[in-house]
Amino acid sequence: MTLPASGQLTMVDIWEEVYADTHTTQQIDMSAINTKTGIGTDIASYYGYTLMELSVSPDELTFDATGDPVDLDTVTVTATATNSWNAVNTGYTWITVTGGSDTGDGSFDVSMDAYVGGRVGFVKVTSTAPDKLVKIIQSA
């Protein structure tokens, strides 16, 4: 892989470029390493890039059997200012995502129907940076 002259890249891009000559290329989420060390941001900045980052909080929401949130029903997304993201239901008909698209920081709401028996599903937040999953739990 050859990096373009300028633009945006992820930690995966950096990993691939640094190890392309001597190692088998593997895509991994190095955002946690960057958060602790800042090295990815330093490398990106040196070469004239913007490191694309994405995080979600909380990464798990719990609802009761009536469909009411136990604590929160809103997920906060923190992203690089130019990073567009979308929160998408990953195929669970009982999960509804509202306001799940933005650029940079934002949030989205999750709701669901009443259900007795308990179930677990996921909402995926997709972007230029590595995707994040939010676990959705409905208790019995």
Protein backbone atom coordinates (compact mmCIF):
# COMPACT_ATOMS: atom_id res chain seq x y z
CA MET A 1 0.00 0.00 0.00
CA THR A 2 1.23 3.47 -0.81
CA LEU A 3 -0.15 6.35 1.21
CA PRO A 4 -1.53 9.30 -0.76
CA ALA A 5 0.27 12.66 -0.59
CA SER A 6 -2.18 14.02 1.99
CA GLY A 7 -5.63 13.35 3.40
CA GLN A 8 -7.18 11.16 6.05
CA LEU A 9 -6.10 7.79 7.29
CA THR A 10 -6.78 5.35 10.08
CA MET A 11 -4.45 3.50 12.40
CA VAL A 12 -5.02 0.52 10.09
CA ASP A 13 -3.52 2.53 7.19
CA ILE A 14 -0.49 3.41 9.32
CA TRP A 15 -0.08 -0.20 10.44
CA GLU A 16 -0.24 -1.45 6.86
CA GLU A 17 2.30 1.13 5.63
CA VAL A 18 4.78 0.59 8.45
CA TYR A 19 4.75 -3.20 8.17
CA ALA A 20 4.04 -3.67 4.46
CA ASP A 21 7.66 -4.38 3.52
CA THR A 22 8.55 -6.92 6.17
CA HIS A 23 5.36 -8.42 7.59
CA THR A 24 2.10 -9.93 6.48
CA THR A 25 -0.44 -7.11 6.43
CA GLN A 26 -3.18 -7.54 9.02
CA GLN A 27 -5.90 -5.04 9.73
CA ILE A 28 -6.26 -4.37 13.43
CA ASP A 29 -7.92 -1.66 15.50
CA MET A 30 -5.02 0.32 16.91
CA SER A 31 -7.16 3.19 18.23
CA ALA A 32 -6.64 1.95 21.81
CA ILE A 33 -2.87 2.05 21.31
CA ASN A 34 -3.14 5.56 19.89
CA THR A 35 -5.29 6.68 22.83
CA LYS A 36 -2.65 5.53 25.29
CA THR A 37 0.47 6.59 23.39
CA GLY A 38 -0.54 9.21 20.82
CA ILE A 39 1.95 7.66 18.41
CA GLY A 40 -0.59 7.27 15.60
CA THR A 41 -1.49 10.95 15.75
CA ASP A 42 2.20 11.87 15.72
CA ILE A 43 2.92 9.69 12.68
CA ALA A 44 -0.15 10.94 10.81
CA SER A 45 0.67 14.56 11.56
CA TYR A 46 4.28 14.15 10.46
CA TYR A 47 3.16 12.90 7.05
CA GLY A 48 0.39 15.52 6.68
CA TYR A 49 -2.58 13.28 7.50
CA THR A 50 -5.54 13.47 9.85
CA LEU A 51 -5.93 10.34 11.95
CA MET A 52 -9.57 9.22 11.83
CA GLU A 53 -10.82 8.16 15.25
CA LEU A 54 -14.18 6.98 16.57
CA SER A 55 -15.46 5.96 20.00
CA VAL A 56 -18.88 5.29 21.52
CA SER A 57 -20.13 5.64 25.08
CA PRO A 58 -21.67 3.66 26.55
CA ASP A 59 -20.95 0.55 24.50
CA GLU A 60 -23.88 -1.30 26.08
CA LEU A 61 -27.51 -0.28 26.73
CA THR A 62 -30.02 -2.22 28.84
CA PHE A 63 -33.81 -2.06 28.55
CA ASP A 64 -36.49 -3.74 30.67
CA ALA A 65 -39.20 -6.09 29.36
CA THR A 66 -41.55 -3.14 28.70
CA GLY A 67 -38.96 -1.54 26.38
CA ASP A 68 -38.03 1.24 28.81
CA PRO A 69 -34.34 2.04 29.31
CA VAL A 70 -32.88 0.85 32.61
CA ASP A 71 -30.39 3.72 32.63
CA LEU A 72 -29.66 5.42 29.30
CA ASP A 73 -31.13 5.22 25.81
CA THR A 74 -28.65 7.58 24.15
CA VAL A 75 -25.20 6.70 22.81
CA THR A 76 -22.60 9.47 22.50
CA VAL A 77 -20.24 9.23 19.54
CA THR A 78 -16.85 10.97 19.66
CA ALA A 79 -15.22 11.27 16.25
CA THR A 80 -12.63 13.27 14.37
CA ALA A 81 -14.25 16.51 13.14
CA THR A 82 -14.22 15.38 9.48
CA ASN A 83 -15.23 11.78 10.20
CA SER A 84 -18.76 10.97 9.00
CA TRP A 85 -20.44 8.11 10.85
CA ASN A 86 -23.73 6.17 10.73
CA ALA A 87 -25.40 4.10 13.43
CA VAL A 88 -27.20 1.18 11.82
CA ASN A 89 -29.38 -1.59 13.12
CA THR A 90 -27.60 -4.84 12.28
CA GLY A 91 -30.79 -6.72 11.41
CA TYR A 92 -32.75 -6.80 14.67
CA THR A 93 -36.34 -5.77 13.86
CA TRP A 94 -37.05 -4.91 17.51
CA ILE A 95 -34.29 -2.25 17.73
CA THR A 96 -34.98 1.27 16.43
CA VAL A 97 -32.14 3.76 15.91
CA THR A 98 -33.01 7.48 15.75
CA GLY A 99 -30.64 10.27 14.74
CA GLY A 100 -27.87 7.88 13.85
CA SER A 101 -25.84 9.92 11.37
CA ASP A 102 -23.45 12.85 11.79
CA THR A 103 -19.98 14.20 11.10
CA GLY A 104 -17.68 14.61 14.08
CA ASP A 105 -19.15 14.31 17.57
CA GLY A 106 -22.83 13.47 17.95
CA SER A 107 -25.29 11.03 19.45
CA PHE A 108 -28.13 8.68 18.61
CA ASP A 109 -31.09 7.21 20.47
CA VAL A 110 -32.13 3.57 20.73
CA SER A 111 -35.63 2.30 21.46
CA MET A 112 -37.46 -1.04 21.29
CA ASP A 113 -40.76 -2.81 21.70
CA ALA A 114 -41.89 -4.61 24.83
CA TYR A 115 -40.86 -8.25 25.00
CA VAL A 116 -40.97 -10.87 27.75
CA GLY A 117 -38.14 -13.37 27.62
CA GLY A 118 -34.99 -11.31 27.16
CA ARG A 119 -32.86 -10.81 24.06
CA VAL A 120 -29.57 -9.30 22.89
CA GLY A 121 -28.79 -7.37 19.71
CA PHE A 122 -26.30 -4.88 18.32
CA VAL A 123 -26.13 -1.47 16.68
CA LYS A 124 -23.06 -0.89 14.48
CA VAL A 125 -21.49 2.55 14.16
CA THR A 126 -19.71 2.68 10.81
CA SER A 127 -17.22 5.30 9.63
CA THR A 128 -13.82 5.80 8.01
CA ALA A 129 -12.28 4.72 11.33
CA PRO A 130 -12.76 1.11 12.49
CA ASP A 131 -16.44 0.36 13.23
CA LYS A 132 -17.79 0.10 16.78
CA LEU A 133 -20.57 -2.12 18.14
CA VAL A 134 -23.06 -1.12 20.82
CA LYS A 135 -24.60 -4.10 22.62
CA ILE A 136 -28.36 -3.82 23.23
CA ILE A 137 -29.80 -5.98 26.02
CA GLN A 138 -33.46 -6.42 26.86
CA SER A 139 -33.96 -8.19 30.15
CA ALA A 140 -36.69 -10.76 30.79
